N, C-alpha and C. Protein backbone atom coordinates (compact mmCIF):
# COMPACT_ATOMS: atom_id res chain seq x y z
N MET A 1 -24.77 -27.37 28.11
CA MET A 1 -23.57 -26.88 28.74
C MET A 1 -22.44 -26.68 27.71
N LYS A 2 -22.30 -27.63 26.77
CA LYS A 2 -21.27 -27.49 25.73
C LYS A 2 -21.52 -26.25 24.88
N ALA A 3 -22.77 -25.99 24.56
CA ALA A 3 -23.11 -24.82 23.75
C ALA A 3 -22.73 -23.54 24.48
N LEU A 4 -22.98 -23.49 25.76
CA LEU A 4 -22.64 -22.32 26.56
C LEU A 4 -21.13 -22.12 26.60
N LEU A 5 -20.37 -23.20 26.73
CA LEU A 5 -18.91 -23.11 26.70
C LEU A 5 -18.41 -22.60 25.35
N ARG A 6 -19.00 -23.09 24.27
CA ARG A 6 -18.61 -22.63 22.93
C ARG A 6 -18.85 -21.14 22.78
N VAL A 7 -20.02 -20.68 23.20
CA VAL A 7 -20.36 -19.26 23.09
C VAL A 7 -19.38 -18.43 23.91
N ALA A 8 -19.07 -18.88 25.12
CA ALA A 8 -18.14 -18.16 25.98
C ALA A 8 -16.75 -18.12 25.35
N LEU A 9 -16.30 -19.23 24.79
CA LEU A 9 -14.99 -19.29 24.14
C LEU A 9 -14.92 -18.36 22.94
N ILE A 10 -15.95 -18.39 22.11
CA ILE A 10 -15.99 -17.52 20.93
C ILE A 10 -15.99 -16.06 21.36
N ALA A 11 -16.77 -15.72 22.36
CA ALA A 11 -16.82 -14.35 22.85
C ALA A 11 -15.46 -13.90 23.38
N THR A 12 -14.80 -14.78 24.12
CA THR A 12 -13.49 -14.45 24.68
C THR A 12 -12.45 -14.25 23.58
N LEU A 13 -12.46 -15.10 22.58
CA LEU A 13 -11.48 -14.99 21.51
C LEU A 13 -11.74 -13.82 20.59
N SER A 14 -12.97 -13.37 20.47
CA SER A 14 -13.28 -12.26 19.56
C SER A 14 -13.04 -10.91 20.19
N VAL A 15 -12.90 -10.81 21.51
CA VAL A 15 -12.66 -9.54 22.17
C VAL A 15 -11.37 -8.88 21.71
N PRO A 16 -10.23 -9.60 21.65
CA PRO A 16 -9.00 -8.93 21.18
C PRO A 16 -9.14 -8.36 19.78
N ALA A 17 -9.88 -9.04 18.91
CA ALA A 17 -10.05 -8.52 17.56
C ALA A 17 -10.84 -7.22 17.57
N CYS A 18 -11.82 -7.12 18.45
CA CYS A 18 -12.63 -5.91 18.53
C CYS A 18 -11.84 -4.77 19.15
N LEU A 19 -10.92 -5.09 20.05
CA LEU A 19 -10.17 -4.07 20.75
C LEU A 19 -8.89 -3.67 20.03
N ALA A 20 -8.57 -4.36 18.94
CA ALA A 20 -7.33 -4.07 18.22
C ALA A 20 -7.32 -2.62 17.74
N GLN A 21 -6.21 -1.98 17.92
CA GLN A 21 -6.06 -0.60 17.49
C GLN A 21 -5.42 -0.61 16.11
N THR A 22 -6.02 0.12 15.18
CA THR A 22 -5.53 0.13 13.81
C THR A 22 -5.43 1.53 13.26
N GLY A 23 -4.64 1.64 12.21
CA GLY A 23 -4.54 2.87 11.43
C GLY A 23 -4.74 2.51 9.97
N ALA A 24 -5.26 3.45 9.20
CA ALA A 24 -5.51 3.23 7.77
C ALA A 24 -4.27 3.64 6.97
N VAL A 25 -3.78 2.71 6.16
CA VAL A 25 -2.61 2.98 5.32
C VAL A 25 -3.00 2.73 3.87
N THR A 26 -2.92 3.79 3.07
CA THR A 26 -3.28 3.72 1.65
C THR A 26 -2.02 3.75 0.81
N PHE A 27 -1.92 2.82 -0.12
CA PHE A 27 -0.81 2.72 -1.06
C PHE A 27 -1.36 2.97 -2.45
N TYR A 28 -0.61 3.70 -3.28
CA TYR A 28 -1.07 3.90 -4.65
C TYR A 28 0.09 4.02 -5.62
N SER A 29 -0.19 3.61 -6.85
CA SER A 29 0.77 3.74 -7.94
C SER A 29 0.12 4.61 -9.01
N PRO A 30 0.75 5.73 -9.35
CA PRO A 30 0.14 6.61 -10.36
C PRO A 30 -0.14 5.87 -11.66
N GLY A 31 -1.09 6.38 -12.40
CA GLY A 31 -1.41 5.80 -13.69
C GLY A 31 -0.42 6.21 -14.75
N ILE A 32 -0.50 5.56 -15.88
CA ILE A 32 0.32 5.94 -17.02
C ILE A 32 -0.31 7.18 -17.64
N SER A 33 0.52 8.18 -17.87
CA SER A 33 0.04 9.44 -18.44
C SER A 33 0.89 9.80 -19.66
N VAL A 34 0.46 10.82 -20.34
CA VAL A 34 1.24 11.32 -21.49
C VAL A 34 2.62 11.74 -21.00
N LYS A 35 2.65 12.35 -19.81
CA LYS A 35 3.92 12.81 -19.24
C LYS A 35 4.85 11.62 -18.96
N SER A 36 4.32 10.55 -18.34
CA SER A 36 5.18 9.40 -18.04
C SER A 36 5.59 8.66 -19.31
N GLU A 37 4.70 8.63 -20.30
CA GLU A 37 5.05 7.99 -21.57
C GLU A 37 6.17 8.75 -22.27
N GLY A 38 6.07 10.09 -22.28
CA GLY A 38 7.11 10.90 -22.91
C GLY A 38 8.42 10.85 -22.16
N ALA A 39 8.33 10.71 -20.83
CA ALA A 39 9.54 10.68 -20.00
C ALA A 39 10.37 9.42 -20.22
N VAL A 40 9.79 8.39 -20.80
CA VAL A 40 10.52 7.15 -21.09
C VAL A 40 11.74 7.44 -21.95
N PHE A 41 11.66 8.47 -22.78
CA PHE A 41 12.76 8.80 -23.68
C PHE A 41 13.84 9.65 -23.02
N LEU A 42 13.62 10.08 -21.79
CA LEU A 42 14.62 10.85 -21.07
C LEU A 42 15.61 9.90 -20.39
N PRO A 43 16.83 10.38 -20.12
CA PRO A 43 17.80 9.51 -19.46
C PRO A 43 17.34 9.07 -18.06
N LYS A 44 16.60 9.95 -17.35
CA LYS A 44 16.09 9.61 -16.03
C LYS A 44 14.64 10.06 -15.95
N SER A 45 13.80 9.19 -15.38
CA SER A 45 12.39 9.54 -15.25
C SER A 45 11.76 8.76 -14.10
N ARG A 46 10.54 9.19 -13.73
CA ARG A 46 9.74 8.49 -12.73
C ARG A 46 8.60 7.81 -13.47
N GLN A 47 8.42 6.53 -13.19
CA GLN A 47 7.39 5.76 -13.86
C GLN A 47 6.47 5.11 -12.82
N PRO A 48 5.26 4.75 -13.20
CA PRO A 48 4.37 4.06 -12.26
C PRO A 48 4.97 2.73 -11.81
N PHE A 49 4.64 2.34 -10.58
CA PHE A 49 5.13 1.09 -10.00
C PHE A 49 4.21 -0.06 -10.38
N SER A 50 4.80 -1.22 -10.53
CA SER A 50 4.04 -2.45 -10.73
C SER A 50 4.80 -3.56 -10.03
N GLY A 51 4.15 -4.20 -9.05
CA GLY A 51 4.81 -5.28 -8.32
C GLY A 51 4.15 -5.52 -6.98
N TRP A 52 4.84 -6.26 -6.13
CA TRP A 52 4.31 -6.61 -4.82
C TRP A 52 4.66 -5.56 -3.77
N LEU A 53 3.71 -5.33 -2.89
CA LEU A 53 3.89 -4.49 -1.71
C LEU A 53 4.02 -5.45 -0.53
N VAL A 54 5.01 -5.23 0.33
CA VAL A 54 5.31 -6.16 1.42
C VAL A 54 5.41 -5.39 2.73
N ASP A 55 4.85 -5.96 3.81
CA ASP A 55 4.97 -5.41 5.16
C ASP A 55 5.77 -6.42 5.98
N GLY A 56 7.03 -6.10 6.25
CA GLY A 56 7.91 -7.06 6.92
C GLY A 56 8.13 -8.25 6.01
N GLN A 57 7.67 -9.42 6.43
CA GLN A 57 7.77 -10.63 5.61
C GLN A 57 6.44 -10.98 4.94
N GLN A 58 5.37 -10.22 5.25
CA GLN A 58 4.04 -10.52 4.75
C GLN A 58 3.74 -9.74 3.46
N ARG A 59 3.47 -10.48 2.39
CA ARG A 59 3.02 -9.82 1.16
C ARG A 59 1.62 -9.27 1.41
N LEU A 60 1.39 -8.05 0.93
CA LEU A 60 0.07 -7.43 1.09
C LEU A 60 -0.74 -7.52 -0.20
N ALA A 61 -0.22 -6.90 -1.24
CA ALA A 61 -0.97 -6.85 -2.50
C ALA A 61 -0.02 -6.65 -3.66
N ARG A 62 -0.48 -7.08 -4.81
CA ARG A 62 0.26 -6.84 -6.06
C ARG A 62 -0.40 -5.65 -6.74
N LEU A 63 0.30 -4.53 -6.76
CA LEU A 63 -0.23 -3.32 -7.36
C LEU A 63 0.30 -3.15 -8.76
N ARG A 64 -0.46 -2.46 -9.55
CA ARG A 64 -0.01 -2.06 -10.88
C ARG A 64 -0.40 -0.61 -11.08
N HIS A 65 0.08 -0.02 -12.13
CA HIS A 65 -0.16 1.40 -12.35
C HIS A 65 -1.65 1.71 -12.36
N GLY A 66 -1.98 2.88 -11.81
CA GLY A 66 -3.36 3.33 -11.80
C GLY A 66 -4.25 2.69 -10.75
N ARG A 67 -3.66 2.09 -9.71
CA ARG A 67 -4.43 1.38 -8.68
C ARG A 67 -4.03 1.87 -7.29
N PHE A 68 -4.94 1.65 -6.33
CA PHE A 68 -4.66 1.95 -4.94
C PHE A 68 -5.26 0.85 -4.07
N VAL A 69 -4.78 0.80 -2.82
CA VAL A 69 -5.33 -0.15 -1.84
C VAL A 69 -5.15 0.46 -0.46
N THR A 70 -6.14 0.26 0.40
CA THR A 70 -6.07 0.73 1.78
C THR A 70 -6.23 -0.45 2.72
N PHE A 71 -5.32 -0.53 3.70
CA PHE A 71 -5.38 -1.56 4.72
C PHE A 71 -5.54 -0.91 6.08
N HIS A 72 -6.27 -1.58 6.98
CA HIS A 72 -6.34 -1.19 8.38
C HIS A 72 -5.36 -2.07 9.12
N LEU A 73 -4.19 -1.49 9.42
CA LEU A 73 -3.10 -2.27 10.01
C LEU A 73 -3.00 -2.00 11.51
N ASN A 74 -2.57 -3.01 12.24
CA ASN A 74 -2.41 -2.87 13.69
C ASN A 74 -1.45 -1.74 14.00
N ALA A 75 -1.75 -1.03 15.08
CA ALA A 75 -0.86 0.04 15.53
C ALA A 75 0.51 -0.56 15.84
N GLY A 76 1.55 0.22 15.58
CA GLY A 76 2.91 -0.24 15.81
C GLY A 76 3.78 0.04 14.60
N THR A 77 5.01 -0.40 14.68
CA THR A 77 5.98 -0.15 13.62
C THR A 77 5.81 -1.15 12.48
N HIS A 78 5.75 -0.61 11.26
CA HIS A 78 5.63 -1.42 10.06
C HIS A 78 6.77 -1.03 9.11
N SER A 79 7.35 -2.03 8.46
CA SER A 79 8.43 -1.81 7.50
C SER A 79 7.94 -2.25 6.13
N PHE A 80 7.66 -1.28 5.27
CA PHE A 80 7.11 -1.57 3.95
C PHE A 80 8.21 -1.58 2.90
N THR A 81 8.15 -2.58 2.05
CA THR A 81 9.07 -2.67 0.92
C THR A 81 8.27 -3.04 -0.32
N THR A 82 8.96 -3.00 -1.44
CA THR A 82 8.34 -3.38 -2.70
C THR A 82 9.19 -4.45 -3.37
N SER A 83 8.54 -5.18 -4.23
CA SER A 83 9.26 -6.17 -5.03
C SER A 83 8.64 -6.13 -6.42
N GLY A 84 9.40 -5.67 -7.38
CA GLY A 84 8.91 -5.53 -8.74
C GLY A 84 9.61 -6.48 -9.69
N PRO A 85 9.42 -6.26 -10.98
CA PRO A 85 10.02 -7.14 -11.98
C PRO A 85 11.55 -7.17 -11.92
N THR A 86 12.14 -6.10 -11.39
CA THR A 86 13.60 -6.06 -11.33
C THR A 86 14.14 -6.40 -9.95
N GLY A 87 13.28 -6.92 -9.08
CA GLY A 87 13.73 -7.30 -7.74
C GLY A 87 13.18 -6.39 -6.67
N PRO A 88 13.66 -6.58 -5.44
CA PRO A 88 13.14 -5.78 -4.32
C PRO A 88 13.66 -4.36 -4.33
N GLY A 89 12.87 -3.46 -3.72
CA GLY A 89 13.32 -2.09 -3.55
C GLY A 89 14.49 -2.05 -2.57
N LYS A 90 15.31 -1.03 -2.67
CA LYS A 90 16.51 -0.97 -1.84
C LYS A 90 16.23 -0.58 -0.40
N GLU A 91 15.39 0.40 -0.20
CA GLU A 91 15.16 0.93 1.15
C GLU A 91 13.72 0.71 1.59
N PRO A 92 13.52 0.16 2.79
CA PRO A 92 12.16 0.04 3.31
C PRO A 92 11.67 1.40 3.81
N LEU A 93 10.38 1.56 3.85
CA LEU A 93 9.76 2.73 4.46
C LEU A 93 9.19 2.26 5.79
N VAL A 94 9.72 2.82 6.88
CA VAL A 94 9.28 2.42 8.21
C VAL A 94 8.33 3.48 8.74
N ILE A 95 7.14 3.04 9.17
CA ILE A 95 6.12 3.95 9.69
C ILE A 95 5.62 3.39 11.01
N ASP A 96 5.47 4.28 11.98
CA ASP A 96 4.87 3.91 13.27
C ASP A 96 3.38 4.22 13.16
N VAL A 97 2.58 3.20 12.87
CA VAL A 97 1.14 3.37 12.69
C VAL A 97 0.50 3.62 14.05
N LYS A 98 -0.23 4.72 14.15
CA LYS A 98 -0.94 5.08 15.37
C LYS A 98 -2.40 4.68 15.26
N ASP A 99 -3.03 4.41 16.39
CA ASP A 99 -4.45 4.07 16.42
C ASP A 99 -5.24 5.24 15.85
N GLY A 100 -6.06 4.99 14.84
CA GLY A 100 -6.87 6.02 14.22
C GLY A 100 -6.12 6.87 13.20
N GLY A 101 -4.84 6.61 13.01
CA GLY A 101 -4.04 7.40 12.08
C GLY A 101 -4.36 7.06 10.63
N GLN A 102 -4.04 8.00 9.75
CA GLN A 102 -4.23 7.79 8.32
C GLN A 102 -2.92 8.14 7.63
N TYR A 103 -2.44 7.22 6.79
CA TYR A 103 -1.14 7.36 6.14
C TYR A 103 -1.31 7.07 4.65
N CYS A 104 -0.59 7.81 3.83
CA CYS A 104 -0.67 7.63 2.38
C CYS A 104 0.73 7.44 1.82
N ILE A 105 0.87 6.43 0.97
CA ILE A 105 2.18 6.05 0.46
C ILE A 105 2.12 5.89 -1.05
N ARG A 106 3.02 6.62 -1.72
CA ARG A 106 3.11 6.56 -3.19
C ARG A 106 4.19 5.56 -3.57
N LEU A 107 3.88 4.74 -4.56
CA LEU A 107 4.81 3.76 -5.09
C LEU A 107 5.14 4.16 -6.53
N PHE A 108 6.41 4.15 -6.87
CA PHE A 108 6.81 4.47 -8.23
C PHE A 108 8.16 3.84 -8.51
N ALA A 109 8.63 3.97 -9.71
CA ALA A 109 9.94 3.44 -10.09
C ALA A 109 10.77 4.55 -10.72
N LYS A 110 12.01 4.64 -10.29
CA LYS A 110 12.95 5.55 -10.94
C LYS A 110 13.58 4.78 -12.08
N MET A 111 13.53 5.35 -13.26
CA MET A 111 14.07 4.67 -14.43
C MET A 111 15.29 5.45 -14.93
N THR A 112 16.37 4.74 -15.15
CA THR A 112 17.56 5.30 -15.77
C THR A 112 17.75 4.57 -17.09
N ASP A 113 17.75 5.33 -18.18
CA ASP A 113 17.90 4.73 -19.50
C ASP A 113 19.00 5.46 -20.26
N LEU A 114 20.14 4.82 -20.39
CA LEU A 114 21.29 5.41 -21.08
C LEU A 114 21.55 4.68 -22.40
N GLN A 115 20.50 4.29 -23.09
CA GLN A 115 20.55 3.59 -24.36
C GLN A 115 21.14 2.18 -24.26
N VAL A 116 22.36 2.05 -23.77
CA VAL A 116 22.97 0.74 -23.66
C VAL A 116 22.79 0.14 -22.26
N TYR A 117 22.27 0.94 -21.36
CA TYR A 117 22.09 0.51 -19.98
C TYR A 117 20.77 1.07 -19.46
N ALA A 118 19.92 0.20 -18.94
CA ALA A 118 18.65 0.65 -18.37
C ALA A 118 18.47 0.01 -17.01
N ARG A 119 17.90 0.78 -16.07
CA ARG A 119 17.69 0.27 -14.72
C ARG A 119 16.41 0.86 -14.14
N TRP A 120 15.63 0.00 -13.49
CA TRP A 120 14.44 0.41 -12.76
C TRP A 120 14.74 0.26 -11.28
N GLU A 121 14.42 1.25 -10.49
CA GLU A 121 14.62 1.17 -9.05
C GLU A 121 13.30 1.53 -8.36
N ASN A 122 12.70 0.53 -7.69
CA ASN A 122 11.43 0.75 -7.00
C ASN A 122 11.60 1.76 -5.88
N GLN A 123 10.62 2.64 -5.73
CA GLN A 123 10.65 3.67 -4.69
C GLN A 123 9.33 3.64 -3.93
N ILE A 124 9.40 3.96 -2.66
CA ILE A 124 8.22 4.01 -1.80
C ILE A 124 8.40 5.21 -0.90
N GLU A 125 7.38 6.10 -0.88
CA GLU A 125 7.51 7.31 -0.07
C GLU A 125 6.16 7.71 0.51
N GLU A 126 6.22 8.19 1.76
CA GLU A 126 5.01 8.69 2.40
C GLU A 126 4.75 10.11 1.91
N VAL A 127 3.50 10.40 1.62
CA VAL A 127 3.09 11.74 1.18
C VAL A 127 1.91 12.18 2.03
N PRO A 128 1.68 13.49 2.15
CA PRO A 128 0.49 13.95 2.88
C PRO A 128 -0.77 13.40 2.20
N CYS A 129 -1.72 12.97 3.02
CA CYS A 129 -2.92 12.34 2.45
C CYS A 129 -3.74 13.29 1.58
N GLN A 130 -3.70 14.57 1.86
CA GLN A 130 -4.41 15.52 0.98
C GLN A 130 -3.80 15.50 -0.41
N ARG A 131 -2.48 15.45 -0.47
CA ARG A 131 -1.79 15.38 -1.76
C ARG A 131 -2.11 14.06 -2.47
N ALA A 132 -2.07 12.97 -1.71
CA ALA A 132 -2.37 11.66 -2.28
C ALA A 132 -3.78 11.63 -2.85
N GLN A 133 -4.71 12.24 -2.14
CA GLN A 133 -6.10 12.25 -2.61
C GLN A 133 -6.20 12.99 -3.94
N ARG A 134 -5.48 14.10 -4.07
CA ARG A 134 -5.48 14.85 -5.35
C ARG A 134 -4.84 14.02 -6.46
N GLU A 135 -3.70 13.42 -6.16
CA GLU A 135 -2.97 12.66 -7.18
C GLU A 135 -3.68 11.37 -7.58
N ALA A 136 -4.41 10.79 -6.64
CA ALA A 136 -4.97 9.46 -6.87
C ALA A 136 -6.49 9.44 -6.96
N ALA A 137 -7.11 10.60 -7.07
CA ALA A 137 -8.58 10.67 -7.07
C ALA A 137 -9.19 9.85 -8.21
N HIS A 138 -8.51 9.72 -9.32
CA HIS A 138 -9.04 9.01 -10.49
C HIS A 138 -8.63 7.53 -10.54
N LEU A 139 -7.84 7.08 -9.56
CA LEU A 139 -7.35 5.71 -9.58
C LEU A 139 -8.44 4.72 -9.16
N LYS A 140 -8.27 3.48 -9.59
CA LYS A 140 -9.21 2.42 -9.25
C LYS A 140 -8.65 1.59 -8.11
N PRO A 141 -9.54 0.98 -7.29
CA PRO A 141 -9.04 0.10 -6.24
C PRO A 141 -8.43 -1.17 -6.83
N VAL A 142 -7.50 -1.75 -6.11
CA VAL A 142 -6.88 -3.00 -6.54
C VAL A 142 -7.94 -4.10 -6.52
N GLU A 143 -7.82 -5.04 -7.41
CA GLU A 143 -8.75 -6.17 -7.45
C GLU A 143 -8.46 -7.11 -6.28
N ILE A 144 -9.51 -7.67 -5.71
CA ILE A 144 -9.36 -8.55 -4.54
C ILE A 144 -8.44 -9.73 -4.83
N LYS A 145 -8.42 -10.21 -6.06
CA LYS A 145 -7.56 -11.35 -6.39
C LYS A 145 -6.08 -10.98 -6.30
N ARG A 146 -5.76 -9.70 -6.28
CA ARG A 146 -4.37 -9.26 -6.17
C ARG A 146 -3.94 -8.97 -4.73
N VAL A 147 -4.85 -9.21 -3.77
CA VAL A 147 -4.55 -9.03 -2.35
C VAL A 147 -4.26 -10.41 -1.76
N ASP A 148 -3.16 -10.52 -1.03
CA ASP A 148 -2.81 -11.80 -0.42
C ASP A 148 -3.95 -12.25 0.49
N PRO A 149 -4.41 -13.49 0.37
CA PRO A 149 -5.53 -13.98 1.19
C PRO A 149 -5.31 -13.82 2.69
N ALA A 150 -4.07 -13.86 3.15
CA ALA A 150 -3.77 -13.76 4.58
C ALA A 150 -4.09 -12.37 5.14
N VAL A 151 -4.20 -11.35 4.30
CA VAL A 151 -4.44 -9.99 4.80
C VAL A 151 -5.75 -9.39 4.28
N ARG A 152 -6.57 -10.19 3.65
CA ARG A 152 -7.83 -9.67 3.12
C ARG A 152 -8.76 -9.12 4.20
N VAL A 153 -8.66 -9.63 5.43
CA VAL A 153 -9.50 -9.11 6.51
C VAL A 153 -9.12 -7.69 6.88
N GLU A 154 -7.91 -7.27 6.55
CA GLU A 154 -7.43 -5.92 6.85
C GLU A 154 -7.72 -4.94 5.72
N LEU A 155 -8.23 -5.43 4.62
CA LEU A 155 -8.49 -4.62 3.43
C LEU A 155 -9.69 -3.71 3.64
N ASP A 156 -9.54 -2.45 3.26
CA ASP A 156 -10.65 -1.50 3.29
C ASP A 156 -11.35 -1.58 1.94
N PRO A 157 -12.66 -1.79 1.90
CA PRO A 157 -13.36 -1.95 0.63
C PRO A 157 -13.70 -0.64 -0.08
N ALA A 158 -13.20 0.49 0.41
CA ALA A 158 -13.52 1.80 -0.18
C ALA A 158 -13.14 1.83 -1.66
N THR A 159 -13.94 2.53 -2.44
CA THR A 159 -13.67 2.63 -3.88
C THR A 159 -13.04 3.96 -4.25
N THR A 160 -12.74 4.79 -3.27
CA THR A 160 -12.03 6.06 -3.50
C THR A 160 -10.88 6.17 -2.52
N VAL A 161 -9.89 6.93 -2.88
CA VAL A 161 -8.72 7.13 -2.02
C VAL A 161 -9.12 8.05 -0.88
N PRO A 162 -8.92 7.61 0.37
CA PRO A 162 -9.22 8.51 1.49
C PRO A 162 -8.17 9.62 1.54
N GLY A 163 -8.52 10.73 2.09
CA GLY A 163 -7.55 11.82 2.19
C GLY A 163 -8.07 12.95 3.04
N GLY A 164 -7.18 13.85 3.34
CA GLY A 164 -7.58 15.05 4.04
C GLY A 164 -7.29 15.06 5.52
N GLN A 165 -7.10 13.92 6.14
CA GLN A 165 -6.84 13.90 7.58
C GLN A 165 -5.36 13.63 7.79
N ALA A 166 -4.82 14.32 8.75
CA ALA A 166 -3.41 14.09 9.09
C ALA A 166 -3.30 12.97 10.09
N ALA A 167 -2.19 12.29 10.09
CA ALA A 167 -1.93 11.25 11.08
C ALA A 167 -1.76 11.92 12.44
N PRO A 168 -2.23 11.25 13.53
CA PRO A 168 -2.10 11.85 14.87
C PRO A 168 -0.65 11.91 15.30
């Protein structure tokens, strides 16, 4: 009888997980290129992002240049921010994740270098997934050790950047 109760309890508790509605959200930081290396000498440039990606109060993953990560997140409103070596990003990116939706988000840093004054400002922006797939086709997935253990169950193990489908 105890075994039957355990099975029933496990079955009941696992139903919400099976019925959860999710959308795929891919984050990527461009790699270092000749263009980004040369742009370092300009007063203003865009550089690859390196730092933590955060959803609300939950850290997701620590990304560095040339990497991507895809999570299957519950449907609903998500507020994504970044936290890099120079502190948190100024503006969150708020996305209403739809069931079955696919979203692509580019992470980068705006650099201002005026010789005596330098500043990095983390940026996060949604881009069309077809564009993200082109830009990030050569990127590598983030290492599992860089994903917060609390969200590893939401991690997509794909080794390529998904793309081509629009969000519903």
